[in-house]
Amino acid sequence: MDDSRNDSVRVGDCSSVVQDGRNHQEGIPQVVVALDTGKCKASIDAHTVHLFDSHRKTEPVPSFRNKSRYVLGIIEEFDNNHLPYVAACEDLGVRYKTVDISGPDWIQVVRDCGCDAFLVWPSFKVSVWKRMFDERLKVMVEEMHEIIYPTYNEVWLNESKLRMSYWLEANRIPHSRTWVFYSREGALEFARKVDLPLIAKCDAGSRSAGVEILRSRSAVVRYVEQRFGKGMVWRGADVRDREWGSVLFQEFLPDAAEWRMIRIGKSYFGHQKLTDGTFHSGSGKVGWYNPPRELLDFVRELTDNAGYTAMNVDIFETLDGRYAVNEIQSHFAAYIESQMYIDGRPGRYLYDYSDREWRFEEGVFCRNSCCNLRVEALLDLLDRTASQSPSRVEHLLLPAG
């Protein structure tokens, strides 16, 4: 990581490029937004470089404001995904420090930084980076009793389809049926009898990278041989980072709709991920449907039971009305500042535990890739745990009521 950075680095907002249109599915009108996420991400990257260059040429500017009694540590990320946290703290007037845990003295760095809790967005594009965050965040939480947000259990699931499948199965959560093999022979035997078509996924990868639809038995066999042979690299990964020695298959659900449901703190959002040919993920098309109550309840119960308050849950809705979780992530791309529109109005859902009702609140709540909400959720957590032992953080993350 760049030693020349300072705490005052800030990333600017990204103005999304959209096109309005209409599509009809079974006669129901929907608003389709085509997001040019490539241009949006490029503008963030270009602005980040400009910020780093400008701050190298100027004296550091104090980044602390006196609007919060807490100091939040922002763990630096190799691809600069921590910068939205910086922007969020600036927006909210929250004191912060950026903290680099990639060095050999990282434990002392954490001990000496004087932070009350830490915001994390772990790297996943390179397996070495992901392993470093898995290892060091675990030590921070379990041995040093530091508070991180999202929690370690949430972060551990992020961008690992293998871990997601184990967690969903162990917790009896309805999900797309998944088969994982660490034996070439077992995978080949499965390939000879499984119903087709079949979904094959790499462990890592986002926006449909590393996902294939296998429509013939020979294609399944070739895929198995490659996974247990030279391995494969998912689109966008480091060419040296080959996945091999295991294979993950998932059932193919034809014509299923896919919902992106989001919970951060007490805020809930939902919209449909529309297809652009083959896949929902990465299509850049959004259906601004009002998520049904049963879907909101499904996500609330899932996250409440797990003690998670920072989670994106992608859920298939089958033609016969069943819900099946596709993936769960603690972090996700959010290039626009509202992740839900109801009748053209941006907003969020809040759940009232006293009367068990959902309430829609109009407004724009997803600034800085939803990091404003994450900062607010962590501050709320700190308030609720101020008189408690840090070891009780996981329990106290559950919403009151």
Protein backbone atom coordinates (compact mmCIF):
# COMPACT_ATOMS: atom_id res chain seq x y z
CA MET A 1 0.00 0.00 0.00
CA ASP A 2 1.11 3.55 -0.72
CA ASP A 3 2.95 5.03 2.27
CA SER A 4 2.40 8.54 0.90
CA ARG A 5 -1.34 8.52 1.61
CA ASN A 6 -2.78 10.62 4.40
CA ASP A 7 -6.03 10.58 6.34
CA SER A 8 -7.55 13.44 4.39
CA VAL A 9 -7.80 11.61 1.05
CA ARG A 10 -11.35 11.71 -0.19
CA VAL A 11 -13.17 10.17 -3.13
CA GLY A 12 -15.81 12.18 -4.95
CA ASP A 13 -19.30 11.14 -5.88
CA CYS A 14 -19.98 9.24 -9.09
CA SER A 15 -22.73 10.60 -11.31
CA SER A 16 -24.35 7.52 -12.79
CA VAL A 17 -25.08 7.33 -16.50
CA VAL A 18 -28.63 6.07 -16.99
CA GLN A 19 -31.15 5.46 -19.70
CA ASP A 20 -34.83 5.20 -18.90
CA GLY A 21 -36.98 2.66 -20.65
CA ARG A 22 -39.90 0.32 -20.17
CA ASN A 23 -40.12 -3.41 -20.30
CA HIS A 24 -43.10 -5.68 -19.70
CA GLN A 25 -43.06 -9.01 -17.98
CA GLU A 26 -46.45 -10.72 -17.81
CA GLY A 27 -48.11 -7.35 -18.45
CA ILE A 28 -46.55 -5.61 -15.43
CA PRO A 29 -44.76 -2.35 -16.29
CA GLN A 30 -41.26 -1.90 -14.97
CA VAL A 31 -38.70 0.84 -15.17
CA VAL A 32 -35.42 -0.35 -16.61
CA VAL A 33 -32.26 1.58 -15.85
CA ALA A 34 -29.19 0.72 -17.93
CA LEU A 35 -26.16 1.71 -15.88
CA ASP A 36 -22.85 2.32 -17.60
CA THR A 37 -20.96 0.92 -14.63
CA GLY A 38 -17.71 0.80 -16.58
CA LYS A 39 -17.72 4.58 -17.06
CA CYS A 40 -18.82 5.08 -13.47
CA LYS A 41 -16.02 2.94 -12.05
CA ALA A 42 -13.53 4.59 -14.38
CA SER A 43 -14.54 8.03 -13.12
CA ILE A 44 -13.99 6.89 -9.54
CA ASP A 45 -10.55 5.49 -10.39
CA ALA A 46 -9.53 8.65 -12.27
CA HIS A 47 -10.69 10.88 -9.44
CA THR A 48 -8.83 8.71 -6.92
CA VAL A 49 -5.56 9.12 -8.83
CA HIS A 50 -6.12 12.88 -8.98
CA LEU A 51 -6.72 12.99 -5.24
CA PHE A 52 -3.59 11.02 -4.43
CA ASP A 53 -1.47 13.21 -6.72
CA SER A 54 -2.87 16.43 -5.26
CA HIS A 55 -2.30 15.32 -1.69
CA ARG A 56 1.29 14.33 -2.41
CA LYS A 57 1.96 17.96 -3.37
CA THR A 58 0.25 19.62 -0.39
CA GLU A 59 0.54 19.59 3.37
CA PRO A 60 -1.78 17.10 5.10
CA VAL A 61 -5.10 18.58 6.13
CA PRO A 62 -6.49 17.49 9.52
CA SER A 63 -9.36 15.11 8.87
CA PHE A 64 -10.84 15.01 12.36
CA ARG A 65 -14.08 16.80 13.13
CA ASN A 66 -15.60 17.24 16.55
CA LYS A 67 -19.04 15.89 15.72
CA SER A 68 -18.41 12.38 17.05
CA ARG A 69 -16.96 11.08 20.26
CA TYR A 70 -15.57 8.06 18.42
CA VAL A 71 -12.57 7.66 16.15
CA LEU A 72 -13.14 5.06 13.45
CA GLY A 73 -10.29 3.18 11.83
CA ILE A 74 -10.66 2.61 8.09
CA ILE A 75 -8.65 -0.43 7.04
CA GLU A 76 -6.84 0.32 3.78
CA GLU A 77 -7.65 -1.99 0.87
CA PHE A 78 -5.32 -2.85 -2.00
CA ASP A 79 -7.76 -1.68 -4.72
CA ASN A 80 -8.75 1.45 -2.77
CA ASN A 81 -12.21 0.13 -1.92
CA HIS A 82 -11.79 1.78 1.48
CA LEU A 83 -12.11 5.26 -0.06
CA PRO A 84 -15.95 5.34 0.07
CA TYR A 85 -15.60 4.94 3.85
CA VAL A 86 -13.36 8.01 3.88
CA ALA A 87 -15.94 9.96 1.89
CA ALA A 88 -18.71 8.73 4.18
CA CYS A 89 -16.89 9.84 7.33
CA GLU A 90 -16.25 13.23 5.72
CA ASP A 91 -19.93 13.53 4.79
CA LEU A 92 -21.09 12.63 8.29
CA GLY A 93 -18.47 14.61 10.19
CA VAL A 94 -17.03 11.49 11.84
CA ARG A 95 -13.42 11.39 13.01
CA TYR A 96 -11.36 8.68 11.33
CA LYS A 97 -7.89 7.35 10.60
CA THR A 98 -6.85 5.15 7.69
CA VAL A 99 -4.97 2.10 8.95
CA ASP A 100 -2.65 -0.14 6.90
CA ILE A 101 -2.58 -3.72 8.24
CA SER A 102 -0.50 -5.17 5.38
CA GLY A 103 2.92 -4.62 7.00
CA PRO A 104 4.96 -6.84 9.34
CA ASP A 105 4.20 -4.58 12.34
CA TRP A 106 0.46 -4.52 11.70
CA ILE A 107 -0.50 -5.66 15.23
CA GLN A 108 1.37 -2.78 16.79
CA VAL A 109 -0.16 -0.43 14.22
CA VAL A 110 -3.64 -1.53 15.32
CA ARG A 111 -2.73 -1.23 19.00
CA ASP A 112 -1.29 2.27 18.61
CA CYS A 113 -3.86 3.83 16.27
CA GLY A 114 -6.28 4.85 19.00
CA CYS A 115 -9.42 3.81 17.12
CA ASP A 116 -12.64 2.71 18.80
CA ALA A 117 -13.68 0.39 15.95
CA PHE A 118 -12.76 -0.40 12.36
CA LEU A 119 -14.53 -0.26 9.01
CA VAL A 120 -13.44 -2.99 6.58
CA TRP A 121 -13.86 -3.77 2.88
CA PRO A 122 -11.54 -6.77 2.38
CA SER A 123 -9.83 -7.46 -0.93
CA PHE A 124 -10.91 -10.52 -2.89
CA LYS A 125 -9.54 -10.16 -6.44
CA VAL A 126 -6.24 -11.82 -5.48
CA SER A 127 -6.38 -14.86 -3.21
CA VAL A 128 -3.24 -13.80 -1.32
CA TRP A 129 -4.91 -10.50 -0.42
CA LYS A 130 -8.11 -12.25 0.65
CA ARG A 131 -6.16 -14.69 2.80
CA MET A 132 -4.33 -11.82 4.49
CA PHE A 133 -7.61 -10.11 5.42
CA ASP A 134 -9.18 -13.42 6.55
CA GLU A 135 -6.22 -14.11 8.84
CA ARG A 136 -5.56 -10.66 10.24
CA LEU A 137 -9.15 -9.59 10.77
CA LYS A 138 -9.76 -12.84 12.65
CA VAL A 139 -6.85 -12.06 14.98
CA MET A 140 -8.09 -8.50 15.45
CA VAL A 141 -11.54 -9.72 16.51
CA GLU A 142 -10.82 -12.92 18.41
CA GLU A 143 -7.43 -12.21 20.00
CA MET A 144 -7.27 -8.42 20.22
CA HIS A 145 -11.02 -7.98 20.88
CA GLU A 146 -11.36 -5.17 18.35
CA ILE A 147 -14.73 -4.25 16.85
CA ILE A 148 -14.96 -4.39 13.06
CA TYR A 149 -17.86 -3.63 10.76
CA PRO A 150 -19.23 -5.56 9.02
CA THR A 151 -18.60 -8.34 11.52
CA TYR A 152 -15.97 -10.98 10.85
CA ASN A 153 -18.61 -13.65 10.21
CA GLU A 154 -20.20 -11.49 7.53
CA VAL A 155 -16.87 -10.65 5.92
CA TRP A 156 -15.79 -14.31 5.97
CA LEU A 157 -18.63 -15.18 3.59
CA ASN A 158 -17.84 -12.38 1.16
CA GLU A 159 -16.85 -13.38 -2.38
CA SER A 160 -16.56 -17.08 -1.63
CA LYS A 161 -19.28 -19.18 -3.21
CA LEU A 162 -17.97 -22.28 -1.45
CA ARG A 163 -18.35 -20.70 1.98
CA MET A 164 -21.77 -19.30 1.05
CA SER A 165 -23.03 -22.74 0.01
CA TYR A 166 -21.84 -24.34 3.26
CA TRP A 167 -23.42 -21.58 5.37
CA LEU A 168 -26.75 -21.68 3.57
CA GLU A 169 -26.97 -25.47 3.82
CA ALA A 170 -25.93 -25.56 7.49
CA ASN A 171 -28.54 -22.96 8.40
CA ARG A 172 -31.29 -24.65 6.37
CA ILE A 173 -31.90 -21.53 4.30
CA PRO A 174 -33.71 -22.16 0.99
CA HIS A 175 -31.13 -21.76 -1.77
CA SER A 176 -30.23 -22.96 -5.22
CA ARG A 177 -29.19 -26.57 -4.91
CA THR A 178 -25.40 -26.76 -4.95
CA TRP A 179 -22.86 -29.57 -5.27
CA VAL A 180 -19.18 -29.17 -4.33
CA PHE A 181 -16.55 -31.80 -5.14
CA TYR A 182 -12.94 -32.10 -4.06
CA SER A 183 -12.59 -35.44 -5.84
CA ARG A 184 -12.13 -35.68 -9.61
CA GLU A 185 -13.68 -39.14 -9.67
CA GLY A 186 -16.73 -38.02 -7.70
CA ALA A 187 -17.22 -35.01 -9.95
CA LEU A 188 -16.96 -37.14 -13.12
CA GLU A 189 -19.48 -39.64 -11.78
CA PHE A 190 -21.84 -36.76 -11.02
CA ALA A 191 -21.28 -35.35 -14.53
CA ARG A 192 -22.49 -38.59 -16.11
CA LYS A 193 -25.94 -38.50 -14.49
CA VAL A 194 -26.82 -34.92 -13.50
CA ASP A 195 -29.75 -33.19 -15.18
CA LEU A 196 -28.77 -30.54 -17.70
CA PRO A 197 -28.25 -27.66 -18.18
CA LEU A 198 -26.05 -27.02 -15.15
CA ILE A 199 -24.42 -23.89 -13.67
CA ALA A 200 -20.68 -24.01 -12.91
CA LYS A 201 -19.06 -21.33 -10.75
CA CYS A 202 -15.60 -20.34 -9.63
CA ASP A 203 -15.27 -19.72 -5.91
CA ALA A 204 -14.46 -16.01 -6.41
CA GLY A 205 -15.68 -13.58 -9.05
CA SER A 206 -18.33 -10.89 -9.36
CA ARG A 207 -20.74 -9.63 -12.03
CA SER A 208 -21.06 -13.17 -13.52
CA ALA A 209 -17.28 -13.56 -13.92
CA GLY A 210 -16.37 -17.21 -13.50
CA VAL A 211 -19.95 -18.41 -14.13
CA GLU A 212 -20.82 -20.77 -17.00
CA ILE A 213 -23.93 -22.57 -18.19
CA LEU A 214 -23.04 -26.12 -19.23
CA ARG A 215 -25.63 -27.52 -21.64
CA SER A 216 -24.07 -30.82 -22.71
CA ARG A 217 -22.60 -33.76 -20.81
CA SER A 218 -19.32 -33.42 -22.68
CA ALA A 219 -19.10 -29.79 -21.57
CA VAL A 220 -19.54 -30.83 -17.93
CA VAL A 221 -16.81 -33.47 -18.28
CA ARG A 222 -14.42 -30.96 -19.91
CA TYR A 223 -15.10 -28.50 -17.13
CA VAL A 224 -14.32 -31.10 -14.46
CA GLU A 225 -11.10 -32.11 -16.22
CA GLN A 226 -9.98 -28.49 -16.40
CA ARG A 227 -10.77 -27.80 -12.75
CA PHE A 228 -8.79 -30.84 -11.65
CA GLY A 229 -6.09 -30.28 -14.27
CA LYS A 230 -4.49 -26.95 -15.08
CA GLY A 231 -7.28 -25.04 -13.34
CA MET A 232 -8.87 -21.79 -14.49
CA VAL A 233 -8.78 -18.06 -13.93
CA TRP A 234 -12.04 -16.14 -13.70
CA ARG A 235 -12.44 -13.00 -15.77
CA GLY A 236 -10.73 -10.06 -14.08
CA ALA A 237 -8.55 -12.15 -11.75
CA ASP A 238 -4.76 -12.16 -11.64
CA VAL A 239 -3.49 -14.62 -14.26
CA ARG A 240 -1.33 -16.29 -11.60
CA ASP A 241 -4.35 -16.93 -9.41
CA ARG A 242 -5.70 -20.20 -10.80
CA GLU A 243 -8.50 -22.08 -9.07
CA TRP A 244 -8.02 -25.82 -9.17
CA GLY A 245 -8.66 -28.98 -7.15
CA SER A 246 -12.38 -28.43 -6.56
CA VAL A 247 -15.55 -27.78 -8.52
CA LEU A 248 -18.86 -26.12 -7.66
CA PHE A 249 -22.07 -26.83 -9.57
CA GLN A 250 -25.47 -25.21 -9.07
CA GLU A 251 -28.89 -26.13 -10.35
CA PHE A 252 -30.18 -24.21 -13.36
CA LEU A 253 -33.45 -22.36 -12.66
CA PRO A 254 -34.98 -21.39 -16.01
CA ASP A 255 -36.88 -18.11 -16.28
CA ALA A 256 -36.39 -17.28 -12.59
CA ALA A 257 -36.43 -13.61 -11.61
CA GLU A 258 -33.61 -12.40 -9.36
CA TRP A 259 -34.00 -9.89 -6.56
CA ARG A 260 -31.18 -7.93 -4.98
CA MET A 261 -32.17 -7.39 -1.37
CA ILE A 262 -29.99 -5.25 0.88
CA ARG A 263 -29.89 -4.72 4.60
CA ILE A 264 -27.50 -2.25 6.21
CA GLY A 265 -28.20 -1.41 9.83
CA LYS A 266 -31.94 -0.80 10.06
CA SER A 267 -32.35 0.09 6.36
CA TYR A 268 -33.72 -2.32 3.75
CA PHE A 269 -33.70 -1.96 -0.03
CA GLY A 270 -34.75 -4.16 -2.93
CA HIS A 271 -34.88 -4.24 -6.72
CA GLN A 272 -34.81 -6.79 -9.49
CA LYS A 273 -31.65 -7.63 -11.41
CA LEU A 274 -32.76 -7.96 -15.02
CA THR A 275 -31.05 -10.13 -17.60
CA ASP A 276 -29.08 -8.97 -20.58
CA GLY A 277 -29.02 -12.19 -22.54
CA THR A 278 -27.84 -14.93 -20.18
CA PHE A 279 -27.09 -13.62 -16.68
CA HIS A 280 -28.69 -11.24 -14.20
CA SER A 281 -25.40 -10.24 -12.56
CA GLY A 282 -23.43 -7.68 -14.51
CA SER A 283 -26.24 -6.88 -16.95
CA GLY A 284 -26.42 -3.25 -15.83
CA LYS A 285 -30.23 -3.39 -15.98
CA VAL A 286 -32.45 -2.83 -12.98
CA GLY A 287 -36.18 -3.36 -12.48
CA TRP A 288 -37.51 -0.93 -9.90
CA TYR A 289 -40.23 -3.21 -8.55
CA ASN A 290 -41.61 -2.84 -5.04
CA PRO A 291 -40.26 -5.92 -3.21
CA PRO A 292 -43.14 -8.00 -1.77
CA ARG A 293 -43.57 -8.14 1.99
CA GLU A 294 -42.77 -11.85 2.18
CA LEU A 295 -39.41 -11.15 0.56
CA LEU A 296 -38.64 -8.34 3.01
CA ASP A 297 -39.62 -10.63 5.89
CA PHE A 298 -37.44 -13.41 4.47
CA VAL A 299 -34.35 -11.18 4.44
CA ARG A 300 -35.09 -9.67 7.85
CA GLU A 301 -35.47 -13.10 9.47
CA LEU A 302 -32.35 -14.43 7.73
CA THR A 303 -30.19 -11.52 8.91
CA ASP A 304 -31.76 -11.29 12.38
CA ASN A 305 -31.21 -14.99 13.05
CA ALA A 306 -27.58 -14.74 11.95
CA GLY A 307 -26.90 -11.45 13.74
CA TYR A 308 -25.96 -9.78 10.44
CA THR A 309 -26.72 -6.14 9.71
CA ALA A 310 -24.62 -5.51 6.59
CA MET A 311 -25.64 -7.98 3.92
CA ASN A 312 -26.72 -8.14 0.32
CA VAL A 313 -28.86 -11.19 -0.47
CA ASP A 314 -29.48 -12.12 -4.11
CA ILE A 315 -32.63 -14.24 -4.28
CA PHE A 316 -34.19 -16.16 -7.14
CA GLU A 317 -37.98 -16.11 -7.47
CA THR A 318 -39.06 -19.18 -9.43
CA LEU A 319 -42.05 -19.40 -11.71
CA ASP A 320 -43.97 -21.33 -9.03
CA GLY A 321 -43.35 -18.58 -6.47
CA ARG A 322 -40.51 -20.12 -4.44
CA TYR A 323 -37.60 -18.07 -3.10
CA ALA A 324 -34.07 -19.48 -3.28
CA VAL A 325 -30.95 -17.60 -2.21
CA ASN A 326 -28.37 -17.37 -4.98
CA GLU A 327 -25.57 -15.51 -3.17
CA ILE A 328 -24.95 -13.43 -0.05
CA GLN A 329 -22.28 -10.74 0.24
CA SER A 330 -21.25 -8.23 2.89
CA HIS A 331 -20.00 -5.84 0.19
CA PHE A 332 -21.30 -5.17 -3.30
CA ALA A 333 -21.14 -2.61 -6.09
CA ALA A 334 -23.58 0.27 -5.57
CA TYR A 335 -22.82 2.92 -8.18
CA ILE A 336 -26.07 4.85 -7.76
CA GLU A 337 -27.15 6.62 -4.61
CA SER A 338 -30.51 4.92 -4.25
CA GLN A 339 -30.91 1.15 -4.37
CA MET A 340 -34.72 1.24 -4.39
CA TYR A 341 -37.46 3.28 -6.06
CA ILE A 342 -41.15 2.90 -5.16
CA ASP A 343 -43.50 4.59 -7.65
CA GLY A 344 -40.54 6.62 -8.87
CA ARG A 345 -39.54 7.77 -5.37
CA PRO A 346 -36.15 6.81 -3.91
CA GLY A 347 -36.24 5.47 -0.39
CA ARG A 348 -35.80 2.63 2.05
CA TYR A 349 -37.91 0.30 4.15
CA LEU A 350 -37.71 0.30 7.95
CA TYR A 351 -39.21 -2.45 10.11
CA ASP A 352 -41.16 -1.60 13.25
CA TYR A 353 -40.68 -4.52 15.63
CA SER A 354 -43.43 -3.27 17.97
CA ASP A 355 -46.28 -3.49 15.45
CA ARG A 356 -44.52 -5.80 12.99
CA GLU A 357 -45.05 -3.49 10.04
CA TRP A 358 -42.84 -2.16 7.27
CA ARG A 359 -42.64 1.60 6.74
CA PHE A 360 -41.35 3.27 3.58
CA GLU A 361 -39.21 6.36 4.10
CA GLU A 362 -38.52 8.53 1.09
CA GLY A 363 -35.00 9.82 0.55
CA VAL A 364 -31.55 9.05 -0.85
CA PHE A 365 -29.69 6.78 1.56
CA CYS A 366 -26.98 4.92 -0.39
CA ARG A 367 -24.29 7.56 -0.77
CA ASN A 368 -20.68 6.48 -1.22
CA SER A 369 -21.49 2.88 -2.16
CA CYS A 370 -23.77 2.58 0.90
CA CYS A 371 -20.84 3.38 3.19
CA ASN A 372 -22.69 6.26 4.87
CA LEU A 373 -25.15 3.65 6.15
CA ARG A 374 -22.32 1.37 7.28
CA VAL A 375 -20.70 4.20 9.23
CA GLU A 376 -24.01 5.07 10.88
CA ALA A 377 -24.63 1.40 11.73
CA LEU A 378 -21.20 1.11 13.36
CA LEU A 379 -21.74 4.28 15.40
CA ASP A 380 -25.09 2.88 16.55
CA LEU A 381 -23.35 -0.36 17.50
CA LEU A 382 -20.74 1.53 19.51
CA ASP A 383 -23.45 3.43 21.36
CA ARG A 384 -25.23 0.19 22.22
CA THR A 385 -22.03 -1.57 23.34
CA ALA A 386 -20.47 1.35 25.21
CA SER A 387 -21.08 -0.34 28.57
CA GLN A 388 -20.57 -3.88 27.35
CA SER A 389 -17.60 -6.17 26.80
CA PRO A 390 -16.38 -6.21 23.16
CA SER A 391 -16.82 -9.99 23.20
CA ARG A 392 -20.59 -9.40 23.19
CA VAL A 393 -20.58 -7.48 19.92
CA GLU A 394 -22.01 -10.32 17.83
CA HIS A 395 -24.96 -10.72 20.22
CA LEU A 396 -25.65 -7.01 20.50
CA LEU A 397 -25.72 -6.57 16.72
CA LEU A 398 -29.23 -7.99 16.79
CA PRO A 399 -31.79 -5.18 16.46
CA ALA A 400 -33.61 -4.09 19.58
CA GLY A 401 -37.11 -5.49 19.88
